PDB file of N, CA and C in Angstrom:
ATOM      1  N   UNK A   1      20.230 -35.015  62.256  1.00  0.00           N
ATOM      2  CA  UNK A   1      20.358 -35.603  60.785  1.00  0.00           C
ATOM      3  C   UNK A   1      19.524 -34.342  59.661  1.00  0.00           C
ATOM      4  N   UNK A   2      18.044 -33.767  60.198  1.00  0.00           N
ATOM      5  CA  UNK A   2      17.839 -32.742  59.289  1.00  0.00           C
ATOM      6  C   UNK A   2      18.915 -32.105  58.604  1.00  0.00           C
ATOM      7  N   UNK A   3      19.765 -31.855  59.030  1.00  0.00           N
ATOM      8  CA  UNK A   3      20.681 -30.818  58.709  1.00  0.00           C
ATOM      9  C   UNK A   3      21.775 -31.166  58.502  1.00  0.00           C
ATOM     10  N   UNK A   4      22.302 -32.548  58.577  1.00  0.00           N
ATOM     11  CA  UNK A   4      22.934 -33.394  57.245  1.00  0.00           C
ATOM     12  C   UNK A   4      22.504 -33.357  56.113  1.00  0.00           C
ATOM     13  N   UNK A   5      21.339 -34.268  56.410  1.00  0.00           N
ATOM     14  CA  UNK A   5      20.657 -34.178  55.040  1.00  0.00           C
ATOM     15  C   UNK A   5      20.263 -32.888  54.198  1.00  0.00           C
ATOM     16  N   UNK A   6      19.998 -31.824  54.729  1.00  0.00           N
ATOM     17  CA  UNK A   6      20.186 -30.392  54.399  1.00  0.00           C
ATOM     18  C   UNK A   6      21.825 -29.815  53.184  1.00  0.00           C
ATOM     19  N   UNK A   7      22.162 -30.589  54.057  1.00  0.00           N
ATOM     20  CA  UNK A   7      23.754 -29.940  53.836  1.00  0.00           C
ATOM     21  C   UNK A   7      24.268 -30.899  52.243  1.00  0.00           C
ATOM     22  N   UNK A   8      23.614 -31.880  52.829  1.00  0.00           N
ATOM     23  CA  UNK A   8      24.063 -33.143  51.174  1.00  0.00           C
ATOM     24  C   UNK A   8      23.401 -32.425  50.079  1.00  0.00           C
ATOM     25  N   UNK A   9      21.925 -32.061  50.924  1.00  0.00           N
ATOM     26  CA  UNK A   9      21.065 -31.781  49.622  1.00  0.00           C
ATOM     27  C   UNK A   9      21.512 -31.157  48.808  1.00  0.00           C
ATOM     28  N   UNK A  10      21.758 -29.593  49.286  1.00  0.00           N
ATOM     29  CA  UNK A  10      22.570 -28.696  49.325  1.00  0.00           C
ATOM     30  C   UNK A  10      24.548 -28.602  48.277  1.00  0.00           C
ATOM     31  N   UNK A  11      24.986 -29.644  48.676  1.00  0.00           N
ATOM     32  CA  UNK A  11      26.304 -30.239  47.945  1.00  0.00           C
ATOM     33  C   UNK A  11      25.553 -31.013  46.446  1.00  0.00           C
ATOM     34  N   UNK A  12      24.538 -31.842  46.734  1.00  0.00           N
ATOM     35  CA  UNK A  12      24.517 -32.310  45.698  1.00  0.00           C
ATOM     36  C   UNK A  12      23.915 -30.916  44.173  1.00  0.00           C
ATOM     37  N   UNK A  13      22.967 -30.152  45.040  1.00  0.00           N
ATOM     38  CA  UNK A  13      22.142 -28.831  44.052  1.00  0.00           C
ATOM     39  C   UNK A  13      23.658 -28.300  43.657  1.00  0.00           C
ATOM     40  N   UNK A  14      24.723 -28.204  44.126  1.00  0.00           N
ATOM     41  CA  UNK A  14      26.058 -27.563  43.930  1.00  0.00           C
ATOM     42  C   UNK A  14      26.780 -27.956  42.816  1.00  0.00           C
ATOM     43  N   UNK A  15      26.596 -28.944  42.610  1.00  0.00           N
ATOM     44  CA  UNK A  15      27.371 -29.724  41.626  1.00  0.00           C
ATOM     45  C   UNK A  15      28.073 -31.386  41.709  1.00  0.00           C
ATOM     46  N   UNK A  16      27.949 -31.470  43.564  1.00  0.00           N
ATOM     47  CA  UNK A  16      28.672 -32.210  44.197  1.00  0.00           C
ATOM     48  C   UNK A  16      28.519 -34.050  43.933  1.00  0.00           C
ATOM     49  N   UNK A  17      29.060 -34.088  42.735  1.00  0.00           N
ATOM     50  CA  UNK A  17      28.156 -35.637  42.109  1.00  0.00           C
ATOM     51  C   UNK A  17      28.288 -37.071  42.860  1.00  0.00           C
ATOM     52  N   UNK A  18      29.359 -36.582  43.699  1.00  0.00           N
ATOM     53  CA  UNK A  18      29.477 -37.786  44.781  1.00  0.00           C
ATOM     54  C   UNK A  18      28.085 -37.985  45.969  1.00  0.00           C
ATOM     55  N   UNK A  19      27.837 -36.355  46.298  1.00  0.00           N
ATOM     56  CA  UNK A  19      26.730 -36.722  47.426  1.00  0.00           C
ATOM     57  C   UNK A  19      25.188 -36.849  46.820  1.00  0.00           C
ATOM     58  N   UNK A  20      25.188 -36.205  45.594  1.00  0.00           N
ATOM     59  CA  UNK A  20      24.058 -36.728  44.518  1.00  0.00           C
ATOM     60  C   UNK A  20      24.211 -38.309  44.436  1.00  0.00           C
ATOM     61  N   UNK A  21      25.476 -38.484  44.198  1.00  0.00           N
ATOM     62  CA  UNK A  21      25.322 -40.201  43.716  1.00  0.00           C
ATOM     63  C   UNK A  21      24.703 -41.081  45.316  1.00  0.00           C
ATOM     64  N   UNK A  22      24.923 -40.104  46.438  1.00  0.00           N
ATOM     65  CA  UNK A  22      24.580 -41.367  47.463  1.00  0.00           C
ATOM     66  C   UNK A  22      23.672 -40.711  47.704  1.00  0.00           C
ATOM     67  N   UNK A  23      22.712 -39.923  47.773  1.00  0.00           N
ATOM     68  CA  UNK A  23      21.691 -39.456  47.917  1.00  0.00           C
ATOM     69  C   UNK A  23      20.553 -40.244  47.022  1.00  0.00           C
ATOM     70  N   UNK A  24      20.932 -40.775  45.776  1.00  0.00           N
ATOM     71  CA  UNK A  24      20.076 -40.826  44.932  1.00  0.00           C
ATOM     72  C   UNK A  24      20.092 -42.442  45.678  1.00  0.00           C
ATOM     73  N   UNK A  25      21.837 -43.218  45.746  1.00  0.00           N
ATOM     74  CA  UNK A  25      21.464 -44.576  46.277  1.00  0.00           C
ATOM     75  C   UNK A  25      20.526 -45.142  47.498  1.00  0.00           C
ATOM     76  N   UNK A  26      20.984 -43.767  48.380  1.00  0.00           N
ATOM     77  CA  UNK A  26      19.810 -44.554  49.333  1.00  0.00           C
ATOM     78  C   UNK A  26      18.494 -43.816  49.701  1.00  0.00           C
ATOM     79  N   UNK A  27      18.481 -43.401  48.441  1.00  0.00           N
ATOM     80  CA  UNK A  27      16.526 -42.720  48.457  1.00  0.00           C
ATOM     81  C   UNK A  27      16.099 -43.432  47.312  1.00  0.00           C
ATOM     82  N   UNK A  28      16.394 -43.653  46.270  1.00  0.00           N
ATOM     83  CA  UNK A  28      15.576 -44.477  45.074  1.00  0.00           C
ATOM     84  C   UNK A  28      16.481 -46.010  45.113  1.00  0.00           C
ATOM     85  N   UNK A  29      15.136 -46.805  44.460  1.00  0.00           N
ATOM     86  CA  UNK A  29      15.395 -48.261  44.736  1.00  0.00           C
ATOM     87  C   UNK A  29      16.519 -48.280  42.993  1.00  0.00           C
ATOM     88  N   UNK A  30      17.353 -49.165  43.197  1.00  0.00           N
ATOM     89  CA  UNK A  30      17.827 -49.295  41.666  1.00  0.00           C
ATOM     90  C   UNK A  30      16.901 -50.179  40.564  1.00  0.00           C
ATOM     91  N   UNK A  31      16.630 -49.844  39.049  1.00  0.00           N
ATOM     92  CA  UNK A  31      15.893 -49.980  38.786  1.00  0.00           C
ATOM     93  C   UNK A  31      16.201 -51.168  38.255  1.00  0.00           C
ATOM     94  N   UNK A  32      15.392 -53.031  38.491  1.00  0.00           N
ATOM     95  CA  UNK A  32      16.044 -53.740  37.258  1.00  0.00           C
ATOM     96  C   UNK A  32      15.395 -54.573  36.014  1.00  0.00           C
ATOM     97  N   UNK A  33      15.944 -54.905  35.342  1.00  0.00           N
ATOM     98  CA  UNK A  33      15.481 -55.338  34.254  1.00  0.00           C
ATOM     99  C   UNK A  33      14.093 -56.488  34.175  1.00  0.00           C
ATOM    100  N   UNK A  34      13.080 -56.530  33.570  1.00  0.00           N
ATOM    101  CA  UNK A  34      12.183 -57.696  34.168  1.00  0.00           C
ATOM    102  C   UNK A  34      11.673 -58.225  33.017  1.00  0.00           C
ATOM    103  N   UNK A  35      11.287 -59.766  32.784  1.00  0.00           N
ATOM    104  CA  UNK A  35      10.520 -59.516  31.316  1.00  0.00           C
ATOM    105  C   UNK A  35       9.240 -59.304  31.311  1.00  0.00           C
ATOM    106  N   UNK A  36       7.761 -59.181  30.147  1.00  0.00           N
ATOM    107  CA  UNK A  36       6.752 -59.350  30.511  1.00  0.00           C
ATOM    108  C   UNK A  36       6.788 -60.773  30.649  1.00  0.00           C
ATOM    109  N   UNK A  37       5.738 -61.087  31.310  1.00  0.00           N
ATOM    110  CA  UNK A  37       4.932 -62.340  31.550  1.00  0.00           C
ATOM    111  C   UNK A  37       4.709 -62.573  29.542  1.00  0.00           C
ATOM    112  N   UNK A  38       4.792 -63.882  29.087  1.00  0.00           N
ATOM    113  CA  UNK A  38       4.510 -64.065  27.722  1.00  0.00           C
ATOM    114  C   UNK A  38       3.372 -65.919  28.001  1.00  0.00           C
ATOM    115  N   UNK A  39       2.607 -65.539  27.191  1.00  0.00           N
ATOM    116  CA  UNK A  39       1.674 -66.667  27.342  1.00  0.00           C
ATOM    117  C   UNK A  39       2.199 -67.415  26.863  1.00  0.00           C
ATOM    118  N   UNK A  40       2.149 -68.997  26.567  1.00  0.00           N
ATOM    119  CA  UNK A  40       2.818 -70.431  25.511  1.00  0.00           C
ATOM    120  C   UNK A  40       1.835 -71.471  26.211  1.00  0.00           C
ATOM    121  N   UNK A  41       1.778 -71.575  25.088  1.00  0.00           N
ATOM    122  CA  UNK A  41       0.816 -73.065  24.616  1.00  0.00           C
ATOM    123  C   UNK A  41       1.618 -74.099  24.758  1.00  0.00           C
ATOM    124  N   UNK A  42       1.910 -74.890  26.391  1.00  0.00           N
ATOM    125  CA  UNK A  42       3.336 -76.352  25.646  1.00  0.00           C
ATOM    126  C   UNK A  42       2.090 -77.512  25.292  1.00  0.00           C
ATOM    127  N   UNK A  43       2.803 -78.505  24.506  1.00  0.00           N
ATOM    128  CA  UNK A  43       2.506 -79.463  23.788  1.00  0.00           C
ATOM    129  C   UNK A  43       1.918 -80.691  25.024  1.00  0.00           C
ATOM    130  N   UNK A  44       0.916 -80.909  25.310  1.00  0.00           N
ATOM    131  CA  UNK A  44       0.436 -81.994  26.445  1.00  0.00           C
ATOM    132  C   UNK A  44       1.266 -83.463  26.710  1.00  0.00           C
ATOM    133  N   UNK A  45       2.311 -83.330  25.497  1.00  0.00           N
ATOM    134  CA  UNK A  45       3.155 -84.698  25.472  1.00  0.00           C
ATOM    135  C   UNK A  45       4.558 -84.757  26.068  1.00  0.00           C
ATOM    136  N   UNK A  46       5.606 -84.905  25.993  1.00  0.00           N
ATOM    137  CA  UNK A  46       6.447 -85.408  26.710  1.00  0.00           C
ATOM    138  C   UNK A  46       7.248 -83.911  26.991  1.00  0.00           C
ATOM    139  N   UNK A  47       8.600 -84.302  27.791  1.00  0.00           N
ATOM    140  CA  UNK A  47       9.374 -83.481  27.885  1.00  0.00           C
ATOM    141  C   UNK A  47      10.069 -83.033  26.916  1.00  0.00           C
ATOM    142  N   UNK A  48      10.501 -83.533  25.781  1.00  0.00           N
ATOM    143  CA  UNK A  48      11.074 -83.090  24.783  1.00  0.00           C
ATOM    144  C   UNK A  48      10.216 -82.874  24.535  1.00  0.00           C
ATOM    145  N   UNK A  49       8.958 -83.152  23.984  1.00  0.00           N
ATOM    146  CA  UNK A  49       8.109 -81.763  23.089  1.00  0.00           C
ATOM    147  C   UNK A  49       7.864 -81.040  23.352  1.00  0.00           C
ATOM    148  N   UNK A  50       7.628 -81.092  24.757  1.00  0.00           N
ATOM    149  CA  UNK A  50       7.747 -79.412  25.000  1.00  0.00           C
ATOM    150  C   UNK A  50       8.829 -78.336  25.077  1.00  0.00           C
ATOM    151  N   UNK A  51      10.251 -79.047  25.355  1.00  0.00           N
ATOM    152  CA  UNK A  51      11.676 -78.617  25.537  1.00  0.00           C
ATOM    153  C   UNK A  51      11.423 -78.340  23.971  1.00  0.00           C
ATOM    154  N   UNK A  52      11.452 -78.607  22.847  1.00  0.00           N
ATOM    155  CA  UNK A  52      10.897 -78.629  21.366  1.00  0.00           C
ATOM    156  C   UNK A  52      10.534 -77.290  21.303  1.00  0.00           C
ATOM    157  N   UNK A  53       9.054 -77.264  21.942  1.00  0.00           N
ATOM    158  CA  UNK A  53       8.015 -76.166  21.904  1.00  0.00           C
ATOM    159  C   UNK A  53       8.340 -74.978  21.767  1.00  0.00           C
ATOM    160  N   UNK A  54       9.189 -74.965  23.084  1.00  0.00           N
ATOM    161  CA  UNK A  54       9.867 -73.547  23.914  1.00  0.00           C
ATOM    162  C   UNK A  54      11.161 -72.709  22.807  1.00  0.00           C
ATOM    163  N   UNK A  55      11.648 -74.101  22.499  1.00  0.00           N
ATOM    164  CA  UNK A  55      12.711 -73.714  21.333  1.00  0.00           C
ATOM    165  C   UNK A  55      12.614 -72.834  20.278  1.00  0.00           C
ATOM    166  N   UNK A  56      11.058 -74.033  19.721  1.00  0.00           N
ATOM    167  CA  UNK A  56      10.524 -73.078  18.741  1.00  0.00           C
ATOM    168  C   UNK A  56      10.193 -71.640  18.826  1.00  0.00           C
ATOM    169  N   UNK A  57       9.253 -71.368  20.091  1.00  0.00           N
ATOM    170  CA  UNK A  57       9.067 -70.082  20.133  1.00  0.00           C
ATOM    171  C   UNK A  57       9.969 -69.097  20.648  1.00  0.00           C
ATOM    172  N   UNK A  58      11.118 -69.296  21.261  1.00  0.00           N
ATOM    173  CA  UNK A  58      12.571 -68.625  20.944  1.00  0.00           C
ATOM    174  C   UNK A  58      12.773 -68.187  19.834  1.00  0.00           C
ATOM    175  N   UNK A  59      12.783 -68.833  18.789  1.00  0.00           N
ATOM    176  CA  UNK A  59      13.498 -68.945  17.521  1.00  0.00           C
ATOM    177  C   UNK A  59      12.657 -67.762  16.823  1.00  0.00           C
ATOM    178  N   UNK A  60      11.342 -68.133  17.032  1.00  0.00           N
ATOM    179  CA  UNK A  60      10.424 -67.713  16.037  1.00  0.00           C
ATOM    180  C   UNK A  60      10.493 -65.921  16.623  1.00  0.00           C
ATOM    181  N   UNK A  61      10.989 -66.063  17.682  1.00  0.00           N
ATOM    182  CA  UNK A  61      10.363 -64.720  18.421  1.00  0.00           C
ATOM    183  C   UNK A  61       9.511 -64.387  19.484  1.00  0.00           C
ATOM    184  N   UNK A  62       9.028 -65.589  19.968  1.00  0.00           N
ATOM    185  CA  UNK A  62       7.357 -65.559  20.245  1.00  0.00           C
ATOM    186  C   UNK A  62       8.696 -64.882  21.729  1.00  0.00           C
ATOM    187  N   UNK A  63       9.357 -66.168  22.359  1.00  0.00           N
ATOM    188  CA  UNK A  63       9.719 -65.846  23.485  1.00  0.00           C
ATOM    189  C   UNK A  63      10.913 -65.215  23.626  1.00  0.00           C
ATOM    190  N   UNK A  64      11.374 -64.055  24.638  1.00  0.00           N
ATOM    191  CA  UNK A  64      12.945 -63.722  24.914  1.00  0.00           C
ATOM    192  C   UNK A  64      13.474 -65.000  25.022  1.00  0.00           C
ATOM    193  N   UNK A  65      14.821 -64.996  24.675  1.00  0.00           N
ATOM    194  CA  UNK A  65      15.757 -65.784  24.827  1.00  0.00           C
ATOM    195  C   UNK A  65      16.348 -65.867  26.367  1.00  0.00           C
ATOM    196  N   UNK A  66      15.680 -65.100  27.156  1.00  0.00           N
ATOM    197  CA  UNK A  66      15.860 -65.304  28.890  1.00  0.00           C
ATOM    198  C   UNK A  66      14.342 -66.065  29.561  1.00  0.00           C
ATOM    199  N   UNK A  67      13.418 -65.898  28.935  1.00  0.00           N
ATOM    200  CA  UNK A  67      12.467 -66.440  29.145  1.00  0.00           C
ATOM    201  C   UNK A  67      11.961 -68.307  28.396  1.00  0.00           C
ATOM    202  N   UNK A  68      12.637 -68.358  27.278  1.00  0.00           N
ATOM    203  CA  UNK A  68      12.990 -69.830  26.791  1.00  0.00           C
ATOM    204  C   UNK A  68      14.175 -70.606  27.952  1.00  0.00           C
ATOM    205  N   UNK A  69      15.152 -69.755  28.115  1.00  0.00           N
ATOM    206  CA  UNK A  69      16.193 -70.335  29.219  1.00  0.00           C
ATOM    207  C   UNK A  69      15.451 -70.871  30.563  1.00  0.00           C
ATOM    208  N   UNK A  70      14.785 -70.229  30.950  1.00  0.00           N
ATOM    209  CA  UNK A  70      14.308 -70.066  32.478  1.00  0.00           C
ATOM    210  C   UNK A  70      13.116 -71.428  32.141  1.00  0.00           C
ATOM    211  N   UNK A  71      11.817 -71.339  31.282  1.00  0.00           N
ATOM    212  CA  UNK A  71      11.699 -72.635  30.561  1.00  0.00           C
ATOM    213  C   UNK A  71      12.167 -73.952  30.302  1.00  0.00           C
ATOM    214  N   UNK A  72      12.996 -73.940  30.087  1.00  0.00           N
ATOM    215  CA  UNK A  72      13.571 -75.129  29.690  1.00  0.00           C
ATOM    216  C   UNK A  72      14.673 -75.576  31.135  1.00  0.00           C
ATOM    217  N   UNK A  73      15.025 -74.470  31.773  1.00  0.00           N
ATOM    218  CA  UNK A  73      15.149 -75.184  33.163  1.00  0.00           C
ATOM    219  C   UNK A  73      14.425 -75.840  34.073  1.00  0.00           C
ATOM    220  N   UNK A  74      12.962 -75.139  33.943  1.00  0.00           N
ATOM    221  CA  UNK A  74      11.714 -75.685  34.341  1.00  0.00           C
ATOM    222  C   UNK A  74      11.738 -76.823  34.483  1.00  0.00           C
ATOM    223  N   UNK A  75      11.681 -77.346  32.707  1.00  0.00           N
ATOM    224  CA  UNK A  75      11.299 -78.303  32.271  1.00  0.00           C
ATOM    225  C   UNK A  75      12.121 -78.975  33.073  1.00  0.00           C
ATOM    226  N   UNK A  76      13.780 -78.639  33.081  1.00  0.00           N
ATOM    227  CA  UNK A  76      14.750 -80.022  33.209  1.00  0.00           C
ATOM    228  C   UNK A  76      14.609 -80.051  34.638  1.00  0.00           C
ATOM    229  N   UNK A  77      14.170 -78.976  35.570  1.00  0.00           N
ATOM    230  CA  UNK A  77      13.376 -79.292  36.922  1.00  0.00           C
ATOM    231  C   UNK A  77      12.346 -80.278  36.600  1.00  0.00           C
ATOM    232  N   UNK A  78      11.297 -80.561  36.242  1.00  0.00           N
ATOM    233  CA  UNK A  78      10.820 -81.465  36.141  1.00  0.00           C
ATOM    234  C   UNK A  78      11.114 -82.715  36.192  1.00  0.00           C
ATOM    235  N   UNK A  79      12.145 -82.702  34.778  1.00  0.00           N
ATOM    236  CA  UNK A  79      12.428 -83.689  34.318  1.00  0.00           C
ATOM    237  C   UNK A  79      12.922 -84.395  35.701  1.00  0.00           C
ATOM    238  N   UNK A  80      13.917 -83.802  35.923  1.00  0.00           N
ATOM    239  CA  UNK A  80      14.085 -84.865  37.742  1.00  0.00           C
ATOM    240  C   UNK A  80      13.401 -85.332  38.644  1.00  0.00           C
ATOM    241  N   UNK A  81      12.492 -84.223  39.008  1.00  0.00           N
ATOM    242  CA  UNK A  81      11.078 -84.688  39.923  1.00  0.00           C
ATOM    243  C   UNK A  81      10.227 -86.285  39.191  1.00  0.00           C
ATOM    244  N   UNK A  82      10.038 -86.662  37.755  1.00  0.00           N
ATOM    245  CA  UNK A  82       9.649 -86.709  37.488  1.00  0.00           C
ATOM    246  C   UNK A  82      10.275 -88.735  37.093  1.00  0.00           C
ATOM    247  N   UNK A  83      11.787 -87.837  37.315  1.00  0.00           N
ATOM    248  CA  UNK A  83      12.472 -89.589  37.341  1.00  0.00           C
ATOM    249  C   UNK A  83      12.228 -90.061  38.713  1.00  0.00           C
ATOM    250  N   UNK A  84      12.662 -89.015  40.038  1.00  0.00           N
ATOM    251  CA  UNK A  84      12.854 -89.761  41.067  1.00  0.00           C
ATOM    252  C   UNK A  84      11.701 -90.086  41.762  1.00  0.00           C
ATOM    253  N   UNK A  85      10.349 -89.763  41.216  1.00  0.00           N
ATOM    254  CA  UNK A  85       9.109 -90.302  41.431  1.00  0.00           C
ATOM    255  C   UNK A  85       8.762 -91.956  40.439  1.00  0.00           C
ATOM    256  N   UNK A  86       9.383 -91.557  39.298  1.00  0.00           N
ATOM    257  CA  UNK A  86       9.515 -92.750  38.745  1.00  0.00           C
ATOM    258  C   UNK A  86      10.556 -93.851  39.410  1.00  0.00           C
ATOM    259  N   UNK A  87      11.545 -93.871  40.003  1.00  0.00           N
ATOM    260  CA  UNK A  87      12.539 -94.553  40.866  1.00  0.00           C
ATOM    261  C   UNK A  87      11.810 -95.281  42.262  1.00  0.00           C
ATOM    262  N   UNK A  88      10.938 -94.137  42.690  1.00  0.00           N
ATOM    263  CA  UNK A  88      10.227 -94.637  44.313  1.00  0.00           C
ATOM    264  C   UNK A  88       9.300 -95.742  43.715  1.00  0.00           C
ATOM    265  N   UNK A  89       8.072 -95.581  42.835  1.00  0.00           N
ATOM    266  CA  UNK A  89       7.949 -96.324  42.555  1.00  0.00           C
ATOM    267  C   UNK A  89       8.088 -97.753  42.341  1.00  0.00           C
ATOM    268  N   UNK A  90       9.207 -97.987  41.354  1.00  0.00           N
ATOM    269  CA  UNK A  90       9.531 -99.015  41.241  1.00  0.00           C
ATOM    270  C   UNK A  90      11.198 -99.483  42.422  1.00  0.00           C
ATOM    271  N   UNK A  91      11.292 -98.945  43.514  1.00  0.00           N
ATOM    272  CA  UNK A  91      11.904 -99.078  44.793  1.00  0.00           C
ATOM    273  C   UNK A  91      10.629-100.122  45.643  1.00  0.00           C
ATOM    274  N   UNK A  92       9.413 -98.942  45.570  1.00  0.00           N
ATOM    275  CA  UNK A  92       8.578-100.060  46.475  1.00  0.00           C
ATOM    276  C   UNK A  92       7.870-100.963  45.526  1.00  0.00           C
ATOM    277  N   UNK A  93       7.944-101.045  44.144  1.00  0.00           N
ATOM    278  CA  UNK A  93       7.717-102.321  43.814  1.00  0.00           C
ATOM    279  C   UNK A  93       8.830-103.505  44.121  1.00  0.00           C
ATOM    280  N   UNK A  94       9.502-103.547  43.885  1.00  0.00           N
ATOM    281  CA  UNK A  94      10.860-104.398  43.878  1.00  0.00           C
ATOM    282  C   UNK A  94      10.919-104.697  45.713  1.00  0.00           C
ATOM    283  N   UNK A  95      10.241-103.871  46.785  1.00  0.00           N
ATOM    284  CA  UNK A  95      10.185-104.535  47.664  1.00  0.00           C
ATOM    285  C   UNK A  95       8.922-105.022  47.948  1.00  0.00           C
ATOM    286  N   UNK A  96       7.507-104.604  47.216  1.00  0.00           N
ATOM    287  CA  UNK A  96       6.622-105.636  47.549  1.00  0.00           C
ATOM    288  C   UNK A  96       6.882-106.984  47.099  1.00  0.00           C
ATOM    289  N   UNK A  97       7.778-106.911  45.225  1.00  0.00           N
ATOM    290  CA  UNK A  97       8.108-108.392  45.446  1.00  0.00           C
ATOM    291  C   UNK A  97       9.018-109.421  46.342  1.00  0.00           C
ATOM    292  N   UNK A  98      10.334-108.329  46.542  1.00  0.00           N
ATOM    293  CA  UNK A  98      10.772-109.442  47.590  1.00  0.00           C
ATOM    294  C   UNK A  98      10.149-109.426  49.026  1.00  0.00           C
ATOM    295  N   UNK A  99       9.451-109.097  49.688  1.00  0.00           N
ATOM    296  CA  UNK A  99       8.872-109.161  50.626  1.00  0.00           C
ATOM    297  C   UNK A  99       7.835-110.458  50.312  1.00  0.00           C
ATOM    298  N   UNK A 100       7.068-110.693  48.823  1.00  0.00           N
ATOM    299  CA  UNK A 100       6.273-111.668  48.647  1.00  0.00           C
ATOM    300  C   UNK A 100       7.047-113.193  48.786  1.00  0.00           C
ATOM    301  N   UNK A 101       7.930-113.020  48.472  1.00  0.00           N
ATOM    302  CA  UNK A 101       8.687-114.010  48.159  1.00  0.00           C
ATOM    303  C   UNK A 101       9.201-114.627  49.336  1.00  0.00           C
ATOM    304  N   UNK A 102       9.685-113.549  50.427  1.00  0.00           N
ATOM    305  CA  UNK A 102       9.686-114.030  52.115  1.00  0.00           C
ATOM    306  C   UNK A 102       8.574-115.332  52.640  1.00  0.00           C
TER     307      UNK A 102
END
């Protein structure tokens, strides 16, 4: 194995682009773009008000569009969770009402 690596390194140093690419792909992790964390104070109001605050922050350049999209997705997921919680409470109330009538 060491002889093979030495031969590949020599080929890369001699200008073999394929050998250089192969060595780099196997030894250096690819770079991934990341957004820096950005603090954002959301209002304690409704999810709609919070969504508007996110959109305003993106519009004002305070948040990157990708960060705004991620936050809007999180707010949407939170809305679905809240909806399920509300439905569970309503079903439980209906069941209690039905049992008390029986």
